[in-house]
């Protein structure tokens, strides 16, 4: 029983750390996305040559938000088991 509790604590702290890191990753992606939008606006607007920057940032952002959601969800489930 003691080993299971230690494993749950380890997993809880691991997932909490992952959530913390993912939060800063998402913050960086949002900042980078806004600077990309500003650069595109200064270059004359969205064109077929630079729309991939927007799509790439949105894909990375959606993936990061999904990972963040599931890491928070798992962290809260593990918190109840400690």
PDB file of N, CA and C in Angstrom:
ATOM      1  N   UNK A   1       0.823  -1.195   0.000  1.00  0.00           N
ATOM      2  CA  UNK A   1       0.000   0.000   0.000  1.00  0.00           C
ATOM      3  C   UNK A   1       0.871   1.265   0.000  1.00  0.00           C
ATOM      4  N   UNK A   2       1.985   1.203   0.722  1.00  0.00           N
ATOM      5  CA  UNK A   2       2.881   2.360   0.792  1.00  0.00           C
ATOM      6  C   UNK A   2       3.489   2.671  -0.577  1.00  0.00           C
ATOM      7  N   UNK A   3       3.809   1.618  -1.345  1.00  0.00           N
ATOM      8  CA  UNK A   3       4.392   1.815  -2.670  1.00  0.00           C
ATOM      9  C   UNK A   3       3.399   2.500  -3.605  1.00  0.00           C
ATOM     10  N   UNK A   4       2.134   2.136  -3.510  1.00  0.00           N
ATOM     11  CA  UNK A   4       1.111   2.754  -4.361  1.00  0.00           C
ATOM     12  C   UNK A   4       0.954   4.230  -4.016  1.00  0.00           C
ATOM     13  N   UNK A   5       0.975   4.559  -2.737  1.00  0.00           N
ATOM     14  CA  UNK A   5       0.846   5.962  -2.336  1.00  0.00           C
ATOM     15  C   UNK A   5       2.044   6.775  -2.818  1.00  0.00           C
ATOM     16  N   UNK A   6       3.246   6.191  -2.722  1.00  0.00           N
ATOM     17  CA  UNK A   6       4.431   6.894  -3.211  1.00  0.00           C
ATOM     18  C   UNK A   6       4.381   7.078  -4.724  1.00  0.00           C
ATOM     19  N   UNK A   7       3.875   6.077  -5.429  1.00  0.00           N
ATOM     20  CA  UNK A   7       3.738   6.177  -6.879  1.00  0.00           C
ATOM     21  C   UNK A   7       2.741   7.266  -7.244  1.00  0.00           C
ATOM     22  N   UNK A   8       1.616   7.320  -6.524  1.00  0.00           N
ATOM     23  CA  UNK A   8       0.623   8.357  -6.795  1.00  0.00           C
ATOM     24  C   UNK A   8       1.182   9.750  -6.518  1.00  0.00           C
ATOM     25  N   UNK A   9       1.963   9.883  -5.450  1.00  0.00           N
ATOM     26  CA  UNK A   9       2.576  11.184  -5.161  1.00  0.00           C
ATOM     27  C   UNK A   9       3.555  11.574  -6.260  1.00  0.00           C
ATOM     28  N   UNK A  10       4.366  10.610  -6.685  1.00  0.00           N
ATOM     29  CA  UNK A  10       5.327  10.876  -7.756  1.00  0.00           C
ATOM     30  C   UNK A  10       4.609  11.297  -9.037  1.00  0.00           C
ATOM     31  N   UNK A  11       3.557  10.566  -9.397  1.00  0.00           N
ATOM     32  CA  UNK A  11       2.810  10.904 -10.607  1.00  0.00           C
ATOM     33  C   UNK A  11       2.125  12.259 -10.480  1.00  0.00           C
ATOM     34  N   UNK A  12       1.606  12.557  -9.286  1.00  0.00           N
ATOM     35  CA  UNK A  12       0.961  13.852  -9.066  1.00  0.00           C
ATOM     36  C   UNK A  12       1.949  14.996  -9.277  1.00  0.00           C
ATOM     37  N   UNK A  13       3.121  14.891  -8.668  1.00  0.00           N
ATOM     38  CA  UNK A  13       4.104  15.962  -8.816  1.00  0.00           C
ATOM     39  C   UNK A  13       4.660  16.039 -10.239  1.00  0.00           C
ATOM     40  N   UNK A  14       4.761  14.904 -10.903  1.00  0.00           N
ATOM     41  CA  UNK A  14       5.205  14.902 -12.293  1.00  0.00           C
ATOM     42  C   UNK A  14       4.188  15.601 -13.190  1.00  0.00           C
ATOM     43  N   UNK A  15       2.918  15.272 -13.007  1.00  0.00           N
ATOM     44  CA  UNK A  15       1.885  15.895 -13.828  1.00  0.00           C
ATOM     45  C   UNK A  15       1.717  17.373 -13.493  1.00  0.00           C
ATOM     46  N   UNK A  16       1.882  17.743 -12.234  1.00  0.00           N
ATOM     47  CA  UNK A  16       1.814  19.160 -11.867  1.00  0.00           C
ATOM     48  C   UNK A  16       2.962  19.931 -12.516  1.00  0.00           C
ATOM     49  N   UNK A  17       4.140  19.333 -12.547  1.00  0.00           N
ATOM     50  CA  UNK A  17       5.287  19.980 -13.202  1.00  0.00           C
ATOM     51  C   UNK A  17       5.062  20.091 -14.705  1.00  0.00           C
ATOM     52  N   UNK A  18       4.498  19.047 -15.296  1.00  0.00           N
ATOM     53  CA  UNK A  18       4.196  19.081 -16.728  1.00  0.00           C
ATOM     54  C   UNK A  18       3.178  20.175 -17.036  1.00  0.00           C
ATOM     55  N   UNK A  19       2.157  20.301 -16.204  1.00  0.00           N
ATOM     56  CA  UNK A  19       1.158  21.352 -16.399  1.00  0.00           C
ATOM     57  C   UNK A  19       1.792  22.729 -16.301  1.00  0.00           C
ATOM     58  N   UNK A  20       2.692  22.895 -15.356  1.00  0.00           N
ATOM     59  CA  UNK A  20       3.393  24.167 -15.174  1.00  0.00           C
ATOM     60  C   UNK A  20       4.209  24.509 -16.416  1.00  0.00           C
ATOM     61  N   UNK A  21       4.930  23.531 -16.942  1.00  0.00           N
ATOM     62  CA  UNK A  21       5.748  23.761 -18.141  1.00  0.00           C
ATOM     63  C   UNK A  21       4.876  24.022 -19.369  1.00  0.00           C
ATOM     64  N   UNK A  22       3.771  23.294 -19.487  1.00  0.00           N
ATOM     65  CA  UNK A  22       2.878  23.502 -20.623  1.00  0.00           C
ATOM     66  C   UNK A  22       2.237  24.881 -20.593  1.00  0.00           C
ATOM     67  N   UNK A  23       1.949  25.385 -19.400  1.00  0.00           N
ATOM     68  CA  UNK A  23       1.390  26.729 -19.289  1.00  0.00           C
ATOM     69  C   UNK A  23       2.354  27.759 -19.878  1.00  0.00           C
ATOM     70  N   UNK A  24       3.635  27.638 -19.552  1.00  0.00           N
ATOM     71  CA  UNK A  24       4.607  28.586 -20.090  1.00  0.00           C
ATOM     72  C   UNK A  24       4.843  28.379 -21.584  1.00  0.00           C
ATOM     73  N   UNK A  25       4.748  27.143 -22.053  1.00  0.00           N
ATOM     74  CA  UNK A  25       4.848  26.879 -23.488  1.00  0.00           C
ATOM     75  C   UNK A  25       3.701  27.546 -24.238  1.00  0.00           C
ATOM     76  N   UNK A  26       2.478  27.412 -23.712  1.00  0.00           N
ATOM     77  CA  UNK A  26       1.314  28.028 -24.347  1.00  0.00           C
ATOM     78  C   UNK A  26       1.429  29.549 -24.310  1.00  0.00           C
ATOM     79  N   UNK A  27       1.931  30.091 -23.206  1.00  0.00           N
ATOM     80  CA  UNK A  27       2.137  31.536 -23.117  1.00  0.00           C
ATOM     81  C   UNK A  27       3.120  32.009 -24.189  1.00  0.00           C
ATOM     82  N   UNK A  28       4.188  31.262 -24.386  1.00  0.00           N
ATOM     83  CA  UNK A  28       5.158  31.601 -25.429  1.00  0.00           C
ATOM     84  C   UNK A  28       4.530  31.526 -26.817  1.00  0.00           C
ATOM     85  N   UNK A  29       3.720  30.499 -27.073  1.00  0.00           N
ATOM     86  CA  UNK A  29       3.087  30.352 -28.386  1.00  0.00           C
ATOM     87  C   UNK A  29       2.127  31.511 -28.646  1.00  0.00           C
ATOM     88  N   UNK A  30       1.364  31.912 -27.636  1.00  0.00           N
ATOM     89  CA  UNK A  30       0.439  33.040 -27.811  1.00  0.00           C
ATOM     90  C   UNK A  30       1.218  34.324 -28.095  1.00  0.00           C
ATOM     91  N   UNK A  31       2.294  34.561 -27.349  1.00  0.00           N
ATOM     92  CA  UNK A  31       3.122  35.747 -27.597  1.00  0.00           C
ATOM     93  C   UNK A  31       3.708  35.715 -29.008  1.00  0.00           C
ATOM     94  N   UNK A  32       4.210  34.562 -29.414  1.00  0.00           N
ATOM     95  CA  UNK A  32       4.775  34.419 -30.751  1.00  0.00           C
ATOM     96  C   UNK A  32       3.702  34.609 -31.823  1.00  0.00           C
ATOM     97  N   UNK A  33       2.497  34.109 -31.556  1.00  0.00           N
ATOM     98  CA  UNK A  33       1.387  34.264 -32.499  1.00  0.00           C
ATOM     99  C   UNK A  33       1.038  35.739 -32.682  1.00  0.00           C
ATOM    100  N   UNK A  34       0.985  36.488 -31.591  1.00  0.00           N
ATOM    101  CA  UNK A  34       0.661  37.912 -31.701  1.00  0.00           C
ATOM    102  C   UNK A  34       1.756  38.686 -32.431  1.00  0.00           C
ATOM    103  N   UNK A  35       3.008  38.353 -32.177  1.00  0.00           N
ATOM    104  CA  UNK A  35       4.079  39.036 -32.910  1.00  0.00           C
ATOM    105  C   UNK A  35       4.043  38.670 -34.394  1.00  0.00           C
ATOM    106  N   UNK A  36       3.654  37.438 -34.712  1.00  0.00           N
ATOM    107  CA  UNK A  36       3.509  37.037 -36.111  1.00  0.00           C
ATOM    108  C   UNK A  36       2.369  37.795 -36.772  1.00  0.00           C
ATOM    109  N   UNK A  37       1.255  37.950 -36.064  1.00  0.00           N
ATOM    110  CA  UNK A  37       0.121  38.712 -36.601  1.00  0.00           C
ATOM    111  C   UNK A  37       0.533  40.161 -36.866  1.00  0.00           C
ATOM    112  N   UNK A  38       1.280  40.749 -35.943  1.00  0.00           N
ATOM    113  CA  UNK A  38       1.746  42.130 -36.126  1.00  0.00           C
ATOM    114  C   UNK A  38       2.683  42.219 -37.332  1.00  0.00           C
ATOM    115  N   UNK A  39       3.580  41.261 -37.485  1.00  0.00           N
ATOM    116  CA  UNK A  39       4.487  41.251 -38.641  1.00  0.00           C
ATOM    117  C   UNK A  39       3.722  41.101 -39.951  1.00  0.00           C
ATOM    118  N   UNK A  40       2.721  40.232 -39.969  1.00  0.00           N
ATOM    119  CA  UNK A  40       1.920  40.040 -41.181  1.00  0.00           C
ATOM    120  C   UNK A  40       1.154  41.319 -41.505  1.00  0.00           C
ATOM    121  N   UNK A  41       0.614  41.968 -40.481  1.00  0.00           N
ATOM    122  CA  UNK A  41      -0.108  43.224 -40.696  1.00  0.00           C
ATOM    123  C   UNK A  41       0.823  44.299 -41.257  1.00  0.00           C
ATOM    124  N   UNK A  42       2.032  44.370 -40.736  1.00  0.00           N
ATOM    125  CA  UNK A  42       2.995  45.367 -41.217  1.00  0.00           C
ATOM    126  C   UNK A  42       3.489  45.068 -42.631  1.00  0.00           C
ATOM    127  N   UNK A  43       3.444  43.809 -43.031  1.00  0.00           N
ATOM    128  CA  UNK A  43       3.885  43.426 -44.376  1.00  0.00           C
ATOM    129  C   UNK A  43       2.782  43.563 -45.420  1.00  0.00           C
ATOM    130  N   UNK A  44       1.618  44.007 -45.022  1.00  0.00           N
ATOM    131  CA  UNK A  44       0.554  44.234 -46.002  1.00  0.00           C
ATOM    132  C   UNK A  44      -0.632  43.311 -45.869  1.00  0.00           C
ATOM    133  N   UNK A  45      -0.686  42.489 -44.886  1.00  0.00           N
ATOM    134  CA  UNK A  45      -1.849  41.631 -44.675  1.00  0.00           C
ATOM    135  C   UNK A  45      -1.576  40.177 -45.003  1.00  0.00           C
ATOM    136  N   UNK A  46      -2.614  39.387 -44.821  1.00  0.00           N
ATOM    137  CA  UNK A  46      -2.512  37.948 -45.026  1.00  0.00           C
ATOM    138  C   UNK A  46      -2.493  37.642 -46.524  1.00  0.00           C
ATOM    139  N   UNK A  47      -1.562  36.821 -46.931  1.00  0.00           N
ATOM    140  CA  UNK A  47      -1.453  36.434 -48.337  1.00  0.00           C
ATOM    141  C   UNK A  47      -1.195  34.931 -48.404  1.00  0.00           C
ATOM    142  N   UNK A  48      -1.286  34.352 -49.598  1.00  0.00           N
ATOM    143  CA  UNK A  48      -1.029  32.912 -49.714  1.00  0.00           C
ATOM    144  C   UNK A  48       0.381  32.499 -49.310  1.00  0.00           C
ATOM    145  N   UNK A  49       1.286  33.469 -49.233  1.00  0.00           N
ATOM    146  CA  UNK A  49       2.663  33.137 -48.886  1.00  0.00           C
ATOM    147  C   UNK A  49       2.927  33.139 -47.385  1.00  0.00           C
ATOM    148  N   UNK A  50       2.077  33.787 -46.607  1.00  0.00           N
ATOM    149  CA  UNK A  50       2.342  33.843 -45.171  1.00  0.00           C
ATOM    150  C   UNK A  50       1.202  33.311 -44.304  1.00  0.00           C
ATOM    151  N   UNK A  51       0.158  32.736 -44.901  1.00  0.00           N
ATOM    152  CA  UNK A  51      -0.918  32.181 -44.088  1.00  0.00           C
ATOM    153  C   UNK A  51      -0.472  30.941 -43.322  1.00  0.00           C
ATOM    154  N   UNK A  52       0.571  30.273 -43.818  1.00  0.00           N
ATOM    155  CA  UNK A  52       1.037  29.059 -43.133  1.00  0.00           C
ATOM    156  C   UNK A  52       1.596  29.377 -41.748  1.00  0.00           C
ATOM    157  N   UNK A  53       2.098  30.596 -41.549  1.00  0.00           N
ATOM    158  CA  UNK A  53       2.569  30.986 -40.220  1.00  0.00           C
ATOM    159  C   UNK A  53       1.408  31.001 -39.223  1.00  0.00           C
ATOM    160  N   UNK A  54       0.276  31.528 -39.672  1.00  0.00           N
ATOM    161  CA  UNK A  54      -0.898  31.595 -38.795  1.00  0.00           C
ATOM    162  C   UNK A  54      -1.420  30.194 -38.517  1.00  0.00           C
ATOM    163  N   UNK A  55      -1.541  29.393 -39.556  1.00  0.00           N
ATOM    164  CA  UNK A  55      -2.052  28.028 -39.391  1.00  0.00           C
ATOM    165  C   UNK A  55      -1.118  27.209 -38.505  1.00  0.00           C
ATOM    166  N   UNK A  56       0.175  27.356 -38.690  1.00  0.00           N
ATOM    167  CA  UNK A  56       1.138  26.626 -37.857  1.00  0.00           C
ATOM    168  C   UNK A  56       1.033  27.005 -36.395  1.00  0.00           C
ATOM    169  N   UNK A  57       0.917  28.305 -36.127  1.00  0.00           N
ATOM    170  CA  UNK A  57       0.777  28.738 -34.736  1.00  0.00           C
ATOM    171  C   UNK A  57      -0.522  28.220 -34.121  1.00  0.00           C
ATOM    172  N   UNK A  58      -1.602  28.240 -34.898  1.00  0.00           N
ATOM    173  CA  UNK A  58      -2.877  27.751 -34.370  1.00  0.00           C
ATOM    174  C   UNK A  58      -2.842  26.248 -34.102  1.00  0.00           C
ATOM    175  N   UNK A  59      -2.188  25.487 -34.982  1.00  0.00           N
ATOM    176  CA  UNK A  59      -2.078  24.044 -34.753  1.00  0.00           C
ATOM    177  C   UNK A  59      -1.266  23.739 -33.497  1.00  0.00           C
ATOM    178  N   UNK A  60      -0.148  24.424 -33.344  1.00  0.00           N
ATOM    179  CA  UNK A  60       0.676  24.219 -32.150  1.00  0.00           C
ATOM    180  C   UNK A  60      -0.082  24.640 -30.901  1.00  0.00           C
ATOM    181  N   UNK A  61      -0.836  25.742 -30.999  1.00  0.00           N
ATOM    182  CA  UNK A  61      -1.612  26.217 -29.856  1.00  0.00           C
ATOM    183  C   UNK A  61      -2.702  25.221 -29.473  1.00  0.00           C
ATOM    184  N   UNK A  62      -3.415  24.668 -30.450  1.00  0.00           N
ATOM    185  CA  UNK A  62      -4.470  23.696 -30.148  1.00  0.00           C
ATOM    186  C   UNK A  62      -3.886  22.416 -29.545  1.00  0.00           C
ATOM    187  N   UNK A  63      -2.762  21.959 -30.070  1.00  0.00           N
ATOM    188  CA  UNK A  63      -2.111  20.780 -29.506  1.00  0.00           C
ATOM    189  C   UNK A  63      -1.663  21.046 -28.077  1.00  0.00           C
ATOM    190  N   UNK A  64      -1.058  22.209 -27.839  1.00  0.00           N
ATOM    191  CA  UNK A  64      -0.605  22.563 -26.493  1.00  0.00           C
ATOM    192  C   UNK A  64      -1.756  22.685 -25.514  1.00  0.00           C
ATOM    193  N   UNK A  65      -2.869  23.277 -25.960  1.00  0.00           N
ATOM    194  CA  UNK A  65      -4.033  23.405 -25.080  1.00  0.00           C
ATOM    195  C   UNK A  65      -4.638  22.040 -24.756  1.00  0.00           C
ATOM    196  N   UNK A  66      -4.637  21.135 -25.725  1.00  0.00           N
ATOM    197  CA  UNK A  66      -5.132  19.784 -25.457  1.00  0.00           C
ATOM    198  C   UNK A  66      -4.261  19.056 -24.449  1.00  0.00           C
ATOM    199  N   UNK A  67      -2.956  19.162 -24.606  1.00  0.00           N
ATOM    200  CA  UNK A  67      -2.036  18.545 -23.639  1.00  0.00           C
ATOM    201  C   UNK A  67      -2.201  19.166 -22.262  1.00  0.00           C
ATOM    202  N   UNK A  68      -2.363  20.486 -22.218  1.00  0.00           N
ATOM    203  CA  UNK A  68      -2.546  21.183 -20.942  1.00  0.00           C
ATOM    204  C   UNK A  68      -3.838  20.734 -20.264  1.00  0.00           C
ATOM    205  N   UNK A  69      -4.913  20.603 -21.035  1.00  0.00           N
ATOM    206  CA  UNK A  69      -6.197  20.165 -20.482  1.00  0.00           C
ATOM    207  C   UNK A  69      -6.078  18.774 -19.863  1.00  0.00           C
ATOM    208  N   UNK A  70      -5.497  17.839 -20.588  1.00  0.00           N
ATOM    209  CA  UNK A  70      -5.407  16.479 -20.068  1.00  0.00           C
ATOM    210  C   UNK A  70      -4.415  16.364 -18.911  1.00  0.00           C
ATOM    211  N   UNK A  71      -3.375  17.189 -18.897  1.00  0.00           N
ATOM    212  CA  UNK A  71      -2.451  17.143 -17.760  1.00  0.00           C
ATOM    213  C   UNK A  71      -3.107  17.715 -16.504  1.00  0.00           C
ATOM    214  N   UNK A  72      -3.894  18.777 -16.653  1.00  0.00           N
ATOM    215  CA  UNK A  72      -4.629  19.327 -15.501  1.00  0.00           C
ATOM    216  C   UNK A  72      -5.672  18.322 -15.018  1.00  0.00           C
ATOM    217  N   UNK A  73      -6.381  17.703 -15.950  1.00  0.00           N
ATOM    218  CA  UNK A  73      -7.401  16.712 -15.599  1.00  0.00           C
ATOM    219  C   UNK A  73      -6.774  15.535 -14.847  1.00  0.00           C
ATOM    220  N   UNK A  74      -5.646  15.049 -15.325  1.00  0.00           N
ATOM    221  CA  UNK A  74      -4.954  13.943 -14.666  1.00  0.00           C
ATOM    222  C   UNK A  74      -4.408  14.361 -13.310  1.00  0.00           C
ATOM    223  N   UNK A  75      -3.913  15.592 -13.208  1.00  0.00           N
ATOM    224  CA  UNK A  75      -3.393  16.085 -11.931  1.00  0.00           C
ATOM    225  C   UNK A  75      -4.490  16.111 -10.879  1.00  0.00           C
ATOM    226  N   UNK A  76      -5.677  16.584 -11.257  1.00  0.00           N
ATOM    227  CA  UNK A  76      -6.774  16.631 -10.289  1.00  0.00           C
ATOM    228  C   UNK A  76      -7.257  15.234  -9.904  1.00  0.00           C
ATOM    229  N   UNK A  77      -7.236  14.291 -10.854  1.00  0.00           N
ATOM    230  CA  UNK A  77      -7.614  12.918 -10.511  1.00  0.00           C
ATOM    231  C   UNK A  77      -6.608  12.298  -9.548  1.00  0.00           C
ATOM    232  N   UNK A  78      -5.318  12.579  -9.770  1.00  0.00           N
ATOM    233  CA  UNK A  78      -4.292  12.037  -8.874  1.00  0.00           C
ATOM    234  C   UNK A  78      -4.329  12.718  -7.511  1.00  0.00           C
ATOM    235  N   UNK A  79      -4.728  13.978  -7.478  1.00  0.00           N
ATOM    236  CA  UNK A  79      -4.804  14.698  -6.205  1.00  0.00           C
ATOM    237  C   UNK A  79      -5.829  14.046  -5.279  1.00  0.00           C
ATOM    238  N   UNK A  80      -6.923  13.555  -5.850  1.00  0.00           N
ATOM    239  CA  UNK A  80      -7.948  12.893  -5.044  1.00  0.00           C
ATOM    240  C   UNK A  80      -7.468  11.561  -4.479  1.00  0.00           C
ATOM    241  N   UNK A  81      -6.487  10.923  -5.120  1.00  0.00           N
ATOM    242  CA  UNK A  81      -6.008   9.613  -4.671  1.00  0.00           C
ATOM    243  C   UNK A  81      -4.902   9.700  -3.628  1.00  0.00           C
ATOM    244  N   UNK A  82      -4.344  10.889  -3.426  1.00  0.00           N
ATOM    245  CA  UNK A  82      -3.254  11.023  -2.447  1.00  0.00           C
ATOM    246  C   UNK A  82      -3.825  11.037  -1.048  1.00  0.00           C
TER     247      UNK A  82
END
